[in-house]
PDB file of N, CA and C in Angstrom:
ATOM      1  N   MET A   1      50.380 -23.609  27.406  1.00  0.00           N
ATOM      2  CA  MET A   1      49.214 -24.071  26.686  1.00  0.00           C
ATOM      3  C   MET A   1      49.704 -24.900  25.500  1.00  0.00           C
ATOM      4  N   ASN A   2      49.231 -26.120  25.408  1.00  0.00           N
ATOM      5  CA  ASN A   2      49.673 -26.954  24.283  1.00  0.00           C
ATOM      6  C   ASN A   2      48.822 -26.677  23.042  1.00  0.00           C
ATOM      7  N   ALA A   3      49.180 -27.273  21.922  1.00  0.00           N
ATOM      8  CA  ALA A   3      48.538 -26.983  20.638  1.00  0.00           C
ATOM      9  C   ALA A   3      47.087 -27.435  20.617  1.00  0.00           C
ATOM     10  N   ASP A   4      46.776 -28.585  21.230  1.00  0.00           N
ATOM     11  CA  ASP A   4      45.390 -29.079  21.234  1.00  0.00           C
ATOM     12  C   ASP A   4      44.467 -28.152  22.021  1.00  0.00           C
ATOM     13  N   ALA A   5      44.926 -27.656  23.147  1.00  0.00           N
ATOM     14  CA  ALA A   5      44.114 -26.742  23.951  1.00  0.00           C
ATOM     15  C   ALA A   5      43.884 -25.436  23.196  1.00  0.00           C
ATOM     16  N   PHE A   6      44.928 -24.967  22.548  1.00  0.00           N
ATOM     17  CA  PHE A   6      44.792 -23.715  21.789  1.00  0.00           C
ATOM     18  C   PHE A   6      43.824 -23.872  20.625  1.00  0.00           C
ATOM     19  N   LEU A   7      43.913 -24.997  19.905  1.00  0.00           N
ATOM     20  CA  LEU A   7      42.995 -25.237  18.794  1.00  0.00           C
ATOM     21  C   LEU A   7      41.552 -25.388  19.293  1.00  0.00           C
ATOM     22  N   GLY A   8      41.376 -26.024  20.428  1.00  0.00           N
ATOM     23  CA  GLY A   8      40.040 -26.139  21.014  1.00  0.00           C
ATOM     24  C   GLY A   8      39.485 -24.783  21.394  1.00  0.00           C
ATOM     25  N   PHE A   9      40.312 -23.964  22.026  1.00  0.00           N
ATOM     26  CA  PHE A   9      39.908 -22.615  22.398  1.00  0.00           C
ATOM     27  C   PHE A   9      39.571 -21.793  21.161  1.00  0.00           C
ATOM     28  N   LEU A  10      40.404 -21.876  20.145  1.00  0.00           N
ATOM     29  CA  LEU A  10      40.179 -21.142  18.908  1.00  0.00           C
ATOM     30  C   LEU A  10      38.883 -21.595  18.229  1.00  0.00           C
ATOM     31  N   THR A  11      38.618 -22.894  18.264  1.00  0.00           N
ATOM     32  CA  THR A  11      37.383 -23.433  17.685  1.00  0.00           C
ATOM     33  C   THR A  11      36.158 -22.874  18.403  1.00  0.00           C
ATOM     34  N   VAL A  12      36.218 -22.836  19.726  1.00  0.00           N
ATOM     35  CA  VAL A  12      35.091 -22.309  20.509  1.00  0.00           C
ATOM     36  C   VAL A  12      34.874 -20.824  20.205  1.00  0.00           C
ATOM     37  N   VAL A  13      35.949 -20.059  20.099  1.00  0.00           N
ATOM     38  CA  VAL A  13      35.826 -18.628  19.814  1.00  0.00           C
ATOM     39  C   VAL A  13      35.230 -18.400  18.428  1.00  0.00           C
ATOM     40  N   VAL A  14      35.679 -19.162  17.440  1.00  0.00           N
ATOM     41  CA  VAL A  14      35.164 -19.011  16.076  1.00  0.00           C
ATOM     42  C   VAL A  14      33.691 -19.392  16.022  1.00  0.00           C
ATOM     43  N   LEU A  15      33.306 -20.496  16.679  1.00  0.00           N
ATOM     44  CA  LEU A  15      31.893 -20.901  16.696  1.00  0.00           C
ATOM     45  C   LEU A  15      31.036 -19.848  17.396  1.00  0.00           C
ATOM     46  N   PHE A  16      31.546 -19.287  18.495  1.00  0.00           N
ATOM     47  CA  PHE A  16      30.799 -18.239  19.192  1.00  0.00           C
ATOM     48  C   PHE A  16      30.586 -17.030  18.283  1.00  0.00           C
ATOM     49  N   LEU A  17      31.636 -16.621  17.578  1.00  0.00           N
ATOM     50  CA  LEU A  17      31.504 -15.460  16.681  1.00  0.00           C
ATOM     51  C   LEU A  17      30.557 -15.758  15.522  1.00  0.00           C
ATOM     52  N   LEU A  18      30.570 -16.974  15.016  1.00  0.00           N
ATOM     53  CA  LEU A  18      29.652 -17.321  13.928  1.00  0.00           C
ATOM     54  C   LEU A  18      28.197 -17.304  14.390  1.00  0.00           C
ATOM     55  N   LEU A  19      27.968 -17.748  15.615  1.00  0.00           N
ATOM     56  CA  LEU A  19      26.587 -17.798  16.118  1.00  0.00           C
ATOM     57  C   LEU A  19      26.117 -16.459  16.679  1.00  0.00           C
ATOM     58  N   ALA A  20      26.966 -15.773  17.413  1.00  0.00           N
ATOM     59  CA  ALA A  20      26.545 -14.538  18.078  1.00  0.00           C
ATOM     60  C   ALA A  20      26.846 -13.295  17.252  1.00  0.00           C
ATOM     61  N   GLY A  21      27.700 -13.399  16.261  1.00  0.00           N
ATOM     62  CA  GLY A  21      28.106 -12.239  15.473  1.00  0.00           C
ATOM     63  C   GLY A  21      26.960 -11.500  14.816  1.00  0.00           C
ATOM     64  N   PRO A  22      26.076 -12.190  14.083  1.00  0.00           N
ATOM     65  CA  PRO A  22      24.963 -11.472  13.448  1.00  0.00           C
ATOM     66  C   PRO A  22      24.052 -10.760  14.462  1.00  0.00           C
ATOM     67  N   ALA A  23      23.815 -11.395  15.598  1.00  0.00           N
ATOM     68  CA  ALA A  23      22.979 -10.759  16.616  1.00  0.00           C
ATOM     69  C   ALA A  23      23.657  -9.521  17.189  1.00  0.00           C
ATOM     70  N   LEU A  24      24.957  -9.614  17.418  1.00  0.00           N
ATOM     71  CA  LEU A  24      25.686  -8.462  17.953  1.00  0.00           C
ATOM     72  C   LEU A  24      25.746  -7.321  16.938  1.00  0.00           C
ATOM     73  N   LEU A  25      25.919  -7.652  15.666  1.00  0.00           N
ATOM     74  CA  LEU A  25      25.913  -6.611  14.630  1.00  0.00           C
ATOM     75  C   LEU A  25      24.532  -5.964  14.523  1.00  0.00           C
ATOM     76  N   GLY A  26      23.472  -6.760  14.615  1.00  0.00           N
ATOM     77  CA  GLY A  26      22.119  -6.210  14.574  1.00  0.00           C
ATOM     78  C   GLY A  26      21.850  -5.288  15.749  1.00  0.00           C
ATOM     79  N   LEU A  27      22.320  -5.695  16.919  1.00  0.00           N
ATOM     80  CA  LEU A  27      22.151  -4.861  18.111  1.00  0.00           C
ATOM     81  C   LEU A  27      22.875  -3.534  17.947  1.00  0.00           C
ATOM     82  N   HIS A  28      24.081  -3.591  17.408  1.00  0.00           N
ATOM     83  CA  HIS A  28      24.853  -2.367  17.163  1.00  0.00           C
ATOM     84  C   HIS A  28      24.120  -1.460  16.174  1.00  0.00           C
ATOM     85  N   HIS A  29      23.570  -2.053  15.120  1.00  0.00           N
ATOM     86  CA  HIS A  29      22.833  -1.274  14.115  1.00  0.00           C
ATOM     87  C   HIS A  29      21.592  -0.623  14.723  1.00  0.00           C
ATOM     88  N   GLU A  30      20.847  -1.371  15.546  1.00  0.00           N
ATOM     89  CA  GLU A  30      19.643  -0.834  16.192  1.00  0.00           C
ATOM     90  C   GLU A  30      19.982   0.333  17.117  1.00  0.00           C
ATOM     91  N   ARG A  31      21.045   0.191  17.894  1.00  0.00           N
ATOM     92  CA  ARG A  31      21.420   1.263  18.816  1.00  0.00           C
ATOM     93  C   ARG A  31      21.848   2.515  18.055  1.00  0.00           C
ATOM     94  N   ARG A  32      22.577   2.333  16.934  1.00  0.00           N
ATOM     95  CA  ARG A  32      22.987   3.477  16.128  1.00  0.00           C
ATOM     96  C   ARG A  32      21.768   4.172  15.525  1.00  0.00           C
ATOM     97  N   THR A  33      20.802   3.381  15.043  1.00  0.00           N
ATOM     98  CA  THR A  33      19.578   3.955  14.475  1.00  0.00           C
ATOM     99  C   THR A  33      18.792   4.715  15.542  1.00  0.00           C
ATOM    100  N   ASP A  34      18.682   4.133  16.740  1.00  0.00           N
ATOM    101  CA  ASP A  34      17.981   4.819  17.828  1.00  0.00           C
ATOM    102  C   ASP A  34      18.655   6.144  18.171  1.00  0.00           C
ATOM    103  N   ARG A  35      19.990   6.145  18.199  1.00  0.00           N
ATOM    104  CA  ARG A  35      20.732   7.364  18.491  1.00  0.00           C
ATOM    105  C   ARG A  35      20.465   8.430  17.433  1.00  0.00           C
ATOM    106  N   GLN A  36      20.445   8.018  16.162  1.00  0.00           N
ATOM    107  CA  GLN A  36      20.192   8.968  15.077  1.00  0.00           C
ATOM    108  C   GLN A  36      18.772   9.514  15.139  1.00  0.00           C
ATOM    109  N   LEU A  37      17.805   8.645  15.446  1.00  0.00           N
ATOM    110  CA  LEU A  37      16.418   9.113  15.549  1.00  0.00           C
ATOM    111  C   LEU A  37      16.251  10.084  16.708  1.00  0.00           C
ATOM    112  N   ARG A  38      16.884   9.784  17.842  1.00  0.00           N
ATOM    113  CA  ARG A  38      16.799  10.675  18.989  1.00  0.00           C
ATOM    114  C   ARG A  38      17.401  12.044  18.664  1.00  0.00           C
ATOM    115  N   ALA A  39      18.529  12.032  17.967  1.00  0.00           N
ATOM    116  CA  ALA A  39      19.182  13.293  17.596  1.00  0.00           C
ATOM    117  C   ALA A  39      18.319  14.079  16.609  1.00  0.00           C
ATOM    118  N   ALA A  40      17.722  13.393  15.644  1.00  0.00           N
ATOM    119  CA  ALA A  40      16.870  14.073  14.666  1.00  0.00           C
ATOM    120  C   ALA A  40      15.630  14.641  15.336  1.00  0.00           C
ATOM    121  N   ARG A  41      15.045  13.895  16.264  1.00  0.00           N
ATOM    122  CA  ARG A  41      13.857  14.380  16.966  1.00  0.00           C
ATOM    123  C   ARG A  41      14.206  15.610  17.799  1.00  0.00           C
ATOM    124  N   ALA A  42      15.335  15.577  18.475  1.00  0.00           N
ATOM    125  CA  ALA A  42      15.747  16.721  19.292  1.00  0.00           C
ATOM    126  C   ALA A  42      16.016  17.934  18.415  1.00  0.00           C
ATOM    127  N   THR A  43      16.610  17.727  17.250  1.00  0.00           N
ATOM    128  CA  THR A  43      16.891  18.834  16.337  1.00  0.00           C
ATOM    129  C   THR A  43      15.599  19.429  15.789  1.00  0.00           C
ATOM    130  N   SER A  44      14.658  18.572  15.379  1.00  0.00           N
ATOM    131  CA  SER A  44      13.416  19.094  14.794  1.00  0.00           C
ATOM    132  C   SER A  44      12.557  19.794  15.846  1.00  0.00           C
ATOM    133  N   GLU A  45      12.591  19.317  17.086  1.00  0.00           N
ATOM    134  CA  GLU A  45      11.794  19.964  18.134  1.00  0.00           C
ATOM    135  C   GLU A  45      12.388  21.310  18.520  1.00  0.00           C
ATOM    136  N   SER A  46      13.696  21.450  18.369  1.00  0.00           N
ATOM    137  CA  SER A  46      14.302  22.725  18.732  1.00  0.00           C
ATOM    138  C   SER A  46      14.033  23.797  17.677  1.00  0.00           C
ATOM    139  N   PHE A  47      13.790  23.397  16.416  1.00  0.00           N
ATOM    140  CA  PHE A  47      13.524  24.371  15.361  1.00  0.00           C
ATOM    141  C   PHE A  47      12.088  24.861  15.355  1.00  0.00           C
ATOM    142  N   ARG A  48      11.136  23.975  15.557  1.00  0.00           N
ATOM    143  CA  ARG A  48       9.737  24.409  15.521  1.00  0.00           C
ATOM    144  C   ARG A  48       8.921  23.649  16.561  1.00  0.00           C
ATOM    145  N   PRO A  49       8.180  24.372  17.361  1.00  0.00           N
ATOM    146  CA  PRO A  49       7.307  23.679  18.302  1.00  0.00           C
ATOM    147  C   PRO A  49       6.134  23.046  17.558  1.00  0.00           C
ATOM    148  N   GLN A  50       5.639  21.942  18.078  1.00  0.00           N
ATOM    149  CA  GLN A  50       4.521  21.271  17.427  1.00  0.00           C
ATOM    150  C   GLN A  50       3.234  22.035  17.689  1.00  0.00           C
ATOM    151  N   LYS A  51       2.467  22.239  16.619  1.00  0.00           N
ATOM    152  CA  LYS A  51       1.193  22.930  16.737  1.00  0.00           C
ATOM    153  C   LYS A  51       0.100  21.977  16.297  1.00  0.00           C
ATOM    154  N   SER A  52      -1.002  22.028  16.978  1.00  0.00           N
ATOM    155  CA  SER A  52      -2.116  21.193  16.544  1.00  0.00           C
ATOM    156  C   SER A  52      -2.860  21.918  15.432  1.00  0.00           C
ATOM    157  N   SER A  53      -3.281  21.191  14.462  1.00  0.00           N
ATOM    158  CA  SER A  53      -3.961  21.783  13.318  1.00  0.00           C
ATOM    159  C   SER A  53      -5.462  21.790  13.563  1.00  0.00           C
ATOM    160  N   SER A  54      -6.099  22.904  13.289  1.00  0.00           N
ATOM    161  CA  SER A  54      -7.547  22.971  13.439  1.00  0.00           C
ATOM    162  C   SER A  54      -8.246  22.561  12.142  1.00  0.00           C
ATOM    163  N   ARG A  55      -7.458  22.388  11.079  1.00  0.00           N
ATOM    164  CA  ARG A  55      -8.014  22.027   9.790  1.00  0.00           C
ATOM    165  C   ARG A  55      -8.314  20.531   9.731  1.00  0.00           C
ATOM    166  N   ALA A  56      -9.434  20.164   9.161  1.00  0.00           N
ATOM    167  CA  ALA A  56      -9.783  18.749   9.049  1.00  0.00           C
ATOM    168  C   ALA A  56      -8.882  18.089   8.011  1.00  0.00           C
ATOM    169  N   THR A  57      -8.579  16.831   8.231  1.00  0.00           N
ATOM    170  CA  THR A  57      -7.717  16.123   7.282  1.00  0.00           C
ATOM    171  C   THR A  57      -8.559  15.508   6.175  1.00  0.00           C
ATOM    172  N   VAL A  58      -7.983  15.411   5.007  1.00  0.00           N
ATOM    173  CA  VAL A  58      -8.652  14.827   3.853  1.00  0.00           C
ATOM    174  C   VAL A  58      -8.178  13.387   3.715  1.00  0.00           C
ATOM    175  N   PRO A  59      -9.094  12.421   3.551  1.00  0.00           N
ATOM    176  CA  PRO A  59      -8.650  11.040   3.424  1.00  0.00           C
ATOM    177  C   PRO A  59      -7.877  10.831   2.132  1.00  0.00           C
ATOM    178  N   SER A  60      -6.963   9.876   2.180  1.00  0.00           N
ATOM    179  CA  SER A  60      -6.161   9.600   0.994  1.00  0.00           C
ATOM    180  C   SER A  60      -7.003   8.872  -0.047  1.00  0.00           C
ATOM    181  N   THR A  61      -6.484   8.776  -1.260  1.00  0.00           N
ATOM    182  CA  THR A  61      -7.183   8.078  -2.341  1.00  0.00           C
ATOM    183  C   THR A  61      -7.412   6.620  -1.978  1.00  0.00           C
ATOM    184  N   ALA A  62      -6.423   5.993  -1.353  1.00  0.00           N
ATOM    185  CA  ALA A  62      -6.560   4.589  -0.973  1.00  0.00           C
ATOM    186  C   ALA A  62      -7.699   4.405   0.033  1.00  0.00           C
ATOM    187  N   THR A  63      -7.808   5.321   0.996  1.00  0.00           N
ATOM    188  CA  THR A  63      -8.890   5.230   1.978  1.00  0.00           C
ATOM    189  C   THR A  63     -10.232   5.424   1.291  1.00  0.00           C
ATOM    190  N   TRP A  64     -10.321   6.400   0.407  1.00  0.00           N
ATOM    191  CA  TRP A  64     -11.563   6.669  -0.309  1.00  0.00           C
ATOM    192  C   TRP A  64     -11.973   5.451  -1.136  1.00  0.00           C
ATOM    193  N   TYR A  65     -11.013   4.832  -1.827  1.00  0.00           N
ATOM    194  CA  TYR A  65     -11.300   3.660  -2.654  1.00  0.00           C
ATOM    195  C   TYR A  65     -11.767   2.492  -1.794  1.00  0.00           C
ATOM    196  N   ALA A  66     -11.087   2.256  -0.657  1.00  0.00           N
ATOM    197  CA  ALA A  66     -11.463   1.147   0.217  1.00  0.00           C
ATOM    198  C   ALA A  66     -12.861   1.344   0.786  1.00  0.00           C
ATOM    199  N   GLU A  67     -13.191   2.579   1.169  1.00  0.00           N
ATOM    200  CA  GLU A  67     -14.525   2.855   1.702  1.00  0.00           C
ATOM    201  C   GLU A  67     -15.583   2.603   0.636  1.00  0.00           C
ATOM    202  N   GLY A  68     -15.317   3.006  -0.587  1.00  0.00           N
ATOM    203  CA  GLY A  68     -16.259   2.781  -1.678  1.00  0.00           C
ATOM    204  C   GLY A  68     -16.462   1.300  -1.944  1.00  0.00           C
ATOM    205  N   ARG A  69     -15.391   0.532  -1.918  1.00  0.00           N
ATOM    206  CA  ARG A  69     -15.493  -0.913  -2.145  1.00  0.00           C
ATOM    207  C   ARG A  69     -16.297  -1.573  -1.027  1.00  0.00           C
ATOM    208  N   ARG A  70     -16.075  -1.132   0.204  1.00  0.00           N
ATOM    209  CA  ARG A  70     -16.789  -1.713   1.334  1.00  0.00           C
ATOM    210  C   ARG A  70     -18.287  -1.436   1.224  1.00  0.00           C
ATOM    211  N   SER A  71     -18.660  -0.217   0.860  1.00  0.00           N
ATOM    212  CA  SER A  71     -20.082   0.111   0.776  1.00  0.00           C
ATOM    213  C   SER A  71     -20.749  -0.637  -0.383  1.00  0.00           C
ATOM    214  N   LYS A  72     -20.042  -0.867  -1.483  1.00  0.00           N
ATOM    215  CA  LYS A  72     -20.619  -1.618  -2.600  1.00  0.00           C
ATOM    216  C   LYS A  72     -20.853  -3.070  -2.204  1.00  0.00           C
ATOM    217  N   LYS A  73     -19.942  -3.646  -1.408  1.00  0.00           N
ATOM    218  CA  LYS A  73     -20.118  -5.021  -0.965  1.00  0.00           C
ATOM    219  C   LYS A  73     -21.376  -5.148  -0.109  1.00  0.00           C
ATOM    220  N   LEU A  74     -21.609  -4.170   0.760  1.00  0.00           N
ATOM    221  CA  LEU A  74     -22.780  -4.225   1.634  1.00  0.00           C
ATOM    222  C   LEU A  74     -24.068  -4.098   0.814  1.00  0.00           C
ATOM    223  N   VAL A  75     -24.063  -3.273  -0.200  1.00  0.00           N
ATOM    224  CA  VAL A  75     -25.253  -3.073  -1.004  1.00  0.00           C
ATOM    225  C   VAL A  75     -25.541  -4.285  -1.850  1.00  0.00           C
ATOM    226  N   SER A  76     -24.517  -4.900  -2.452  1.00  0.00           N
ATOM    227  CA  SER A  76     -24.744  -6.012  -3.388  1.00  0.00           C
ATOM    228  C   SER A  76     -25.082  -7.308  -2.678  1.00  0.00           C
ATOM    229  N   SER A  77     -24.821  -7.461  -1.397  1.00  0.00           N
ATOM    230  CA  SER A  77     -25.100  -8.745  -0.742  1.00  0.00           C
ATOM    231  C   SER A  77     -26.482  -8.872  -0.184  1.00  0.00           C
TER     232      SER A  77
END
């Protein structure tokens, strides 16, 4: 292999890593996160079975405020 061919090959490899590197790192990060979530879900399910709650849920302050604003708009228009 002569020097020009090697430099051309090296240039192509560097350009490929510059273009594909961030995508490959992101893919690796996503797979690691998925693995951690799967492990956490399996651990939490083994400690306590999920139970449905018979108690009614209370809306949050943000929901209450938004509902109040919506009803005032309807009344004032």
